[in-house]
Amino acid sequence: MIRLQRVGRKHEPTFRLVLTDSKNGPKSGRYLKVLGSYDPRKDNKIEQFDVPAIKHWISMGAKLSTTVHNFLVTKKVIEGKKLNALPKKSPIKKAEVAGAEAPKAAATEAKPVETAAVAA
């Protein structure tokens, strides 16, 4: 997998573009090869990508993270549409909320009645 790995100090993010196993976490620090770097804080947004190596690893079957995919589409390294990198949110349905509260209320009302019968 090809993804960004954050390096740098607090409040000073810089990123490495690394080739890593998809099972390694992004903060693990383990990677196979550094394919470039990205500094979002600079005025000209310094991006240094090793394009031939990236194309080689994609041809070998490496998957791209959504952010890296969008970077490469913007820079016209690869062709395609940009992907949504934000998480999907689903609205809370009122029927599920009301349905979940009703059994809880019925269960709490039933228990005091049973305990009163046992105590008598």
N, C-alpha and C. Protein backbone atom coordinates (compact mmCIF):
# COMPACT_ATOMS: atom_id res chain seq x y z
N MET A 1 0.84 -1.18 0.00
CA MET A 1 0.00 0.00 0.00
C MET A 1 0.89 1.24 0.00
N ILE A 2 0.47 2.25 -0.73
CA ILE A 2 1.19 3.52 -0.76
C ILE A 2 0.34 4.53 0.00
N ARG A 3 0.92 5.13 1.04
CA ARG A 3 0.17 6.09 1.85
C ARG A 3 1.10 7.15 2.42
N LEU A 4 0.49 8.16 3.04
CA LEU A 4 1.26 9.21 3.69
C LEU A 4 1.56 8.80 5.13
N GLN A 5 2.77 9.11 5.58
CA GLN A 5 3.16 8.86 6.96
C GLN A 5 3.58 10.20 7.55
N ARG A 6 2.97 10.58 8.65
CA ARG A 6 3.28 11.87 9.24
C ARG A 6 4.61 11.80 9.97
N VAL A 7 5.43 12.80 9.70
CA VAL A 7 6.69 12.98 10.42
C VAL A 7 6.78 14.46 10.78
N GLY A 8 7.65 14.80 11.65
CA GLY A 8 7.77 16.20 12.03
C GLY A 8 7.35 16.40 13.47
N ARG A 9 7.41 17.64 13.91
CA ARG A 9 7.13 17.97 15.29
C ARG A 9 5.65 18.30 15.50
N LYS A 10 5.31 18.61 16.74
CA LYS A 10 3.96 19.04 17.04
C LYS A 10 3.65 20.32 16.29
N HIS A 11 2.48 20.38 15.74
CA HIS A 11 2.00 21.56 15.01
C HIS A 11 2.85 21.92 13.80
N GLU A 12 3.74 21.05 13.38
CA GLU A 12 4.55 21.25 12.18
C GLU A 12 4.52 19.97 11.35
N PRO A 13 3.40 19.68 10.73
CA PRO A 13 3.29 18.41 10.02
C PRO A 13 4.06 18.40 8.70
N THR A 14 4.79 17.35 8.49
CA THR A 14 5.34 17.03 7.18
C THR A 14 5.05 15.56 6.97
N PHE A 15 4.97 15.15 5.74
CA PHE A 15 4.57 13.79 5.44
C PHE A 15 5.56 13.13 4.49
N ARG A 16 5.73 11.82 4.67
CA ARG A 16 6.48 10.98 3.74
C ARG A 16 5.48 10.18 2.95
N LEU A 17 5.76 9.98 1.69
CA LEU A 17 4.98 9.07 0.87
C LEU A 17 5.72 7.74 0.92
N VAL A 18 5.12 6.73 1.56
CA VAL A 18 5.84 5.47 1.78
C VAL A 18 5.09 4.30 1.18
N LEU A 19 5.87 3.30 0.82
CA LEU A 19 5.35 2.01 0.41
C LEU A 19 5.44 1.11 1.64
N THR A 20 4.31 0.58 2.09
CA THR A 20 4.28 -0.23 3.29
C THR A 20 3.28 -1.36 3.14
N ASP A 21 3.36 -2.31 4.03
CA ASP A 21 2.38 -3.38 4.06
C ASP A 21 1.08 -2.80 4.61
N SER A 22 -0.05 -3.21 4.06
CA SER A 22 -1.32 -2.63 4.49
C SER A 22 -1.65 -3.00 5.93
N LYS A 23 -1.02 -4.03 6.47
CA LYS A 23 -1.28 -4.44 7.86
C LYS A 23 -0.53 -3.56 8.85
N ASN A 24 0.50 -2.86 8.40
CA ASN A 24 1.21 -1.92 9.28
C ASN A 24 0.35 -0.69 9.47
N GLY A 25 0.29 -0.21 10.68
CA GLY A 25 -0.46 1.02 10.96
C GLY A 25 0.30 2.22 10.43
N PRO A 26 -0.40 3.33 10.23
CA PRO A 26 0.29 4.52 9.71
C PRO A 26 1.28 5.11 10.69
N LYS A 27 1.14 4.82 11.98
CA LYS A 27 2.06 5.37 12.97
C LYS A 27 3.14 4.38 13.38
N SER A 28 3.16 3.20 12.78
CA SER A 28 4.12 2.17 13.20
C SER A 28 5.56 2.54 12.86
N GLY A 29 5.75 3.30 11.79
CA GLY A 29 7.10 3.67 11.38
C GLY A 29 7.75 2.64 10.47
N ARG A 30 7.09 1.51 10.24
CA ARG A 30 7.66 0.48 9.37
C ARG A 30 7.22 0.71 7.93
N TYR A 31 8.16 0.72 7.04
CA TYR A 31 7.85 0.88 5.62
C TYR A 31 8.93 0.19 4.82
N LEU A 32 8.63 -0.08 3.55
CA LEU A 32 9.58 -0.73 2.67
C LEU A 32 10.44 0.28 1.93
N LYS A 33 9.81 1.37 1.48
CA LYS A 33 10.55 2.35 0.69
C LYS A 33 9.89 3.71 0.78
N VAL A 34 10.69 4.76 0.82
CA VAL A 34 10.18 6.13 0.79
C VAL A 34 10.07 6.55 -0.68
N LEU A 35 8.87 6.98 -1.08
CA LEU A 35 8.62 7.34 -2.48
C LEU A 35 8.50 8.84 -2.68
N GLY A 36 8.57 9.62 -1.61
CA GLY A 36 8.47 11.06 -1.76
C GLY A 36 8.17 11.73 -0.44
N SER A 37 7.92 13.04 -0.51
CA SER A 37 7.60 13.79 0.69
C SER A 37 6.62 14.90 0.33
N TYR A 38 5.95 15.43 1.36
CA TYR A 38 4.95 16.48 1.17
C TYR A 38 4.96 17.37 2.40
N ASP A 39 5.04 18.69 2.17
CA ASP A 39 5.04 19.66 3.26
C ASP A 39 3.88 20.64 3.02
N PRO A 40 2.77 20.47 3.73
CA PRO A 40 1.60 21.32 3.48
C PRO A 40 1.73 22.73 4.04
N ARG A 41 2.71 23.01 4.87
CA ARG A 41 2.83 24.32 5.51
C ARG A 41 3.54 25.36 4.65
N LYS A 42 4.26 24.93 3.67
CA LYS A 42 4.98 25.87 2.80
C LYS A 42 3.99 26.57 1.88
N ASP A 43 4.38 27.75 1.42
CA ASP A 43 3.50 28.52 0.54
C ASP A 43 3.23 27.79 -0.77
N ASN A 44 4.24 27.15 -1.31
CA ASN A 44 4.06 26.47 -2.59
C ASN A 44 3.77 24.97 -2.41
N LYS A 45 3.50 24.55 -1.20
CA LYS A 45 3.14 23.15 -0.91
C LYS A 45 4.12 22.18 -1.56
N ILE A 46 5.30 22.09 -1.01
CA ILE A 46 6.37 21.30 -1.60
C ILE A 46 5.97 19.82 -1.66
N GLU A 47 5.96 19.30 -2.87
CA GLU A 47 5.67 17.90 -3.11
C GLU A 47 6.80 17.33 -3.94
N GLN A 48 7.46 16.34 -3.41
CA GLN A 48 8.54 15.69 -4.13
C GLN A 48 8.21 14.20 -4.20
N PHE A 49 7.64 13.78 -5.34
CA PHE A 49 7.26 12.40 -5.52
C PHE A 49 8.16 11.75 -6.57
N ASP A 50 8.54 10.50 -6.33
CA ASP A 50 9.31 9.72 -7.29
C ASP A 50 8.31 9.04 -8.22
N VAL A 51 7.91 9.75 -9.28
CA VAL A 51 6.83 9.31 -10.16
C VAL A 51 7.11 7.95 -10.82
N PRO A 52 8.31 7.70 -11.37
CA PRO A 52 8.55 6.38 -11.97
C PRO A 52 8.42 5.24 -10.96
N ALA A 53 8.90 5.45 -9.74
CA ALA A 53 8.80 4.41 -8.72
C ALA A 53 7.34 4.20 -8.32
N ILE A 54 6.56 5.26 -8.23
CA ILE A 54 5.15 5.14 -7.87
C ILE A 54 4.41 4.35 -8.95
N LYS A 55 4.66 4.68 -10.21
CA LYS A 55 4.01 3.95 -11.31
C LYS A 55 4.44 2.49 -11.32
N HIS A 56 5.70 2.23 -11.01
CA HIS A 56 6.19 0.86 -10.96
C HIS A 56 5.45 0.06 -9.89
N TRP A 57 5.32 0.60 -8.70
CA TRP A 57 4.68 -0.13 -7.60
C TRP A 57 3.18 -0.27 -7.83
N ILE A 58 2.55 0.69 -8.50
CA ILE A 58 1.14 0.55 -8.83
C ILE A 58 0.96 -0.60 -9.82
N SER A 59 1.88 -0.70 -10.79
CA SER A 59 1.81 -1.79 -11.76
C SER A 59 2.07 -3.15 -11.11
N MET A 60 2.80 -3.14 -9.99
CA MET A 60 3.07 -4.38 -9.26
C MET A 60 1.91 -4.76 -8.34
N GLY A 61 0.90 -3.89 -8.24
CA GLY A 61 -0.29 -4.23 -7.46
C GLY A 61 -0.45 -3.46 -6.17
N ALA A 62 0.35 -2.44 -5.94
CA ALA A 62 0.22 -1.66 -4.71
C ALA A 62 -1.05 -0.81 -4.77
N LYS A 63 -1.78 -0.80 -3.68
CA LYS A 63 -3.00 0.01 -3.58
C LYS A 63 -2.63 1.39 -3.07
N LEU A 64 -3.43 2.39 -3.40
CA LEU A 64 -3.21 3.76 -2.95
C LEU A 64 -4.22 4.13 -1.89
N SER A 65 -3.81 4.91 -0.90
CA SER A 65 -4.78 5.46 0.02
C SER A 65 -5.58 6.51 -0.75
N THR A 66 -6.75 6.88 -0.23
CA THR A 66 -7.60 7.82 -0.96
C THR A 66 -6.94 9.19 -1.10
N THR A 67 -6.22 9.63 -0.06
CA THR A 67 -5.55 10.93 -0.13
C THR A 67 -4.44 10.91 -1.17
N VAL A 68 -3.65 9.86 -1.20
CA VAL A 68 -2.57 9.75 -2.19
C VAL A 68 -3.16 9.65 -3.59
N HIS A 69 -4.25 8.91 -3.73
CA HIS A 69 -4.92 8.81 -5.03
C HIS A 69 -5.34 10.20 -5.52
N ASN A 70 -5.93 11.00 -4.62
CA ASN A 70 -6.37 12.34 -4.99
C ASN A 70 -5.20 13.25 -5.35
N PHE A 71 -4.06 13.12 -4.62
CA PHE A 71 -2.86 13.89 -4.95
C PHE A 71 -2.39 13.56 -6.36
N LEU A 72 -2.32 12.27 -6.66
CA LEU A 72 -1.78 11.85 -7.96
C LEU A 72 -2.72 12.21 -9.11
N VAL A 73 -4.03 12.21 -8.86
CA VAL A 73 -4.97 12.65 -9.88
C VAL A 73 -4.81 14.15 -10.13
N THR A 74 -4.63 14.93 -9.05
CA THR A 74 -4.44 16.38 -9.19
C THR A 74 -3.18 16.70 -9.98
N LYS A 75 -2.11 15.98 -9.71
CA LYS A 75 -0.83 16.21 -10.40
C LYS A 75 -0.76 15.52 -11.77
N LYS A 76 -1.85 14.84 -12.16
CA LYS A 76 -1.95 14.16 -13.45
C LYS A 76 -0.90 13.06 -13.62
N VAL A 77 -0.54 12.43 -12.51
CA VAL A 77 0.35 11.27 -12.57
C VAL A 77 -0.46 10.05 -12.99
N ILE A 78 -1.68 9.95 -12.45
CA ILE A 78 -2.59 8.88 -12.85
C ILE A 78 -3.89 9.53 -13.31
N GLU A 79 -4.67 8.76 -14.06
CA GLU A 79 -5.95 9.27 -14.53
C GLU A 79 -7.07 8.66 -13.70
N GLY A 80 -8.14 9.42 -13.55
CA GLY A 80 -9.29 8.94 -12.81
C GLY A 80 -9.98 10.08 -12.10
N LYS A 81 -11.04 9.72 -11.39
CA LYS A 81 -11.79 10.71 -10.64
C LYS A 81 -11.28 10.73 -9.21
N LYS A 82 -11.43 11.87 -8.56
CA LYS A 82 -11.06 11.95 -7.15
C LYS A 82 -12.05 11.16 -6.32
N LEU A 83 -11.55 10.60 -5.23
CA LEU A 83 -12.37 9.81 -4.32
C LEU A 83 -12.70 10.62 -3.08
N ASN A 84 -13.80 10.31 -2.44
CA ASN A 84 -14.18 10.98 -1.20
C ASN A 84 -13.36 10.37 -0.06
N ALA A 85 -12.51 11.17 0.57
CA ALA A 85 -11.66 10.69 1.65
C ALA A 85 -12.29 10.88 3.02
N LEU A 86 -13.43 11.58 3.07
CA LEU A 86 -14.08 11.82 4.35
C LEU A 86 -14.94 10.63 4.73
N PRO A 87 -15.11 10.38 6.04
CA PRO A 87 -15.94 9.25 6.45
C PRO A 87 -17.41 9.50 6.14
N LYS A 88 -18.11 8.42 5.88
CA LYS A 88 -19.54 8.52 5.60
C LYS A 88 -20.28 8.64 6.92
N LYS A 89 -21.25 9.53 6.96
CA LYS A 89 -22.07 9.70 8.15
C LYS A 89 -23.49 9.29 7.82
N SER A 90 -24.11 8.56 8.73
CA SER A 90 -25.49 8.18 8.52
C SER A 90 -26.36 8.89 9.56
N PRO A 91 -27.49 9.42 9.16
CA PRO A 91 -28.36 10.12 10.11
C PRO A 91 -29.01 9.14 11.08
N ILE A 92 -29.31 9.61 12.28
CA ILE A 92 -29.99 8.78 13.27
C ILE A 92 -31.47 8.77 12.92
N LYS A 93 -32.02 7.59 12.81
CA LYS A 93 -33.43 7.46 12.45
C LYS A 93 -34.27 7.53 13.71
N LYS A 94 -35.34 8.31 13.66
CA LYS A 94 -36.19 8.50 14.83
C LYS A 94 -36.91 7.22 15.23
N ALA A 95 -37.26 6.38 14.28
CA ALA A 95 -37.96 5.14 14.58
C ALA A 95 -37.06 4.20 15.38
N GLU A 96 -35.78 4.14 15.05
CA GLU A 96 -34.86 3.27 15.78
C GLU A 96 -34.63 3.79 17.19
N VAL A 97 -34.53 5.09 17.36
CA VAL A 97 -34.32 5.67 18.68
C VAL A 97 -35.53 5.43 19.57
N ALA A 98 -36.73 5.65 19.06
CA ALA A 98 -37.95 5.44 19.83
C ALA A 98 -38.14 3.96 20.12
N GLY A 99 -37.82 3.12 19.16
CA GLY A 99 -37.96 1.67 19.35
C GLY A 99 -36.97 1.13 20.37
N ALA A 100 -35.81 1.71 20.46
CA ALA A 100 -34.79 1.25 21.40
C ALA A 100 -35.13 1.67 22.82
N GLU A 101 -35.81 2.82 22.99
CA GLU A 101 -36.14 3.30 24.32
C GLU A 101 -37.34 2.54 24.90
N ALA A 102 -38.27 2.10 24.09
CA ALA A 102 -39.47 1.44 24.57
C ALA A 102 -39.17 0.12 25.29
N PRO A 103 -38.33 -0.79 24.76
CA PRO A 103 -38.05 -2.03 25.49
C PRO A 103 -37.31 -1.78 26.80
N LYS A 104 -36.44 -0.76 26.84
CA LYS A 104 -35.72 -0.46 28.07
C LYS A 104 -36.69 0.00 29.15
N ALA A 105 -37.66 0.83 28.78
CA ALA A 105 -38.63 1.33 29.74
C ALA A 105 -39.51 0.19 30.24
N ALA A 106 -39.92 -0.70 29.36
CA ALA A 106 -40.75 -1.83 29.76
C ALA A 106 -39.98 -2.77 30.69
N ALA A 107 -38.70 -2.97 30.43
CA ALA A 107 -37.89 -3.86 31.26
C ALA A 107 -37.69 -3.28 32.65
N THR A 108 -37.50 -1.99 32.77
CA THR A 108 -37.30 -1.38 34.08
C THR A 108 -38.59 -1.37 34.89
N GLU A 109 -39.74 -1.25 34.23
CA GLU A 109 -41.01 -1.29 34.95
C GLU A 109 -41.34 -2.69 35.43
N ALA A 110 -40.95 -3.71 34.67
CA ALA A 110 -41.29 -5.08 35.03
C ALA A 110 -40.47 -5.58 36.21
N LYS A 111 -39.25 -5.17 36.35
CA LYS A 111 -38.39 -5.68 37.42
C LYS A 111 -38.88 -5.29 38.82
N PRO A 112 -39.30 -4.05 39.07
CA PRO A 112 -39.76 -3.73 40.43
C PRO A 112 -41.00 -4.52 40.81
N VAL A 113 -41.83 -4.85 39.86
CA VAL A 113 -43.03 -5.63 40.16
C VAL A 113 -42.63 -7.03 40.59
N GLU A 114 -41.67 -7.63 39.91
CA GLU A 114 -41.22 -8.98 40.25
C GLU A 114 -40.55 -9.00 41.61
N THR A 115 -39.73 -8.02 41.92
CA THR A 115 -39.03 -7.99 43.19
C THR A 115 -40.02 -7.77 44.33
N ALA A 116 -41.09 -7.01 44.08
CA ALA A 116 -42.10 -6.80 45.11
C ALA A 116 -42.83 -8.11 45.40
N ALA A 117 -43.09 -8.93 44.39
CA ALA A 117 -43.76 -10.19 44.58
C ALA A 117 -42.87 -11.17 45.33
N VAL A 118 -41.59 -11.15 45.06
CA VAL A 118 -40.66 -12.04 45.73
C VAL A 118 -40.49 -11.63 47.19
N ALA A 119 -40.47 -10.33 47.48
CA ALA A 119 -40.29 -9.82 48.84
C ALA A 119 -41.51 -10.11 49.70
N ALA A 120 -42.71 -10.21 49.13
CA ALA A 120 -43.93 -10.44 49.90
C ALA A 120 -44.13 -11.85 50.22
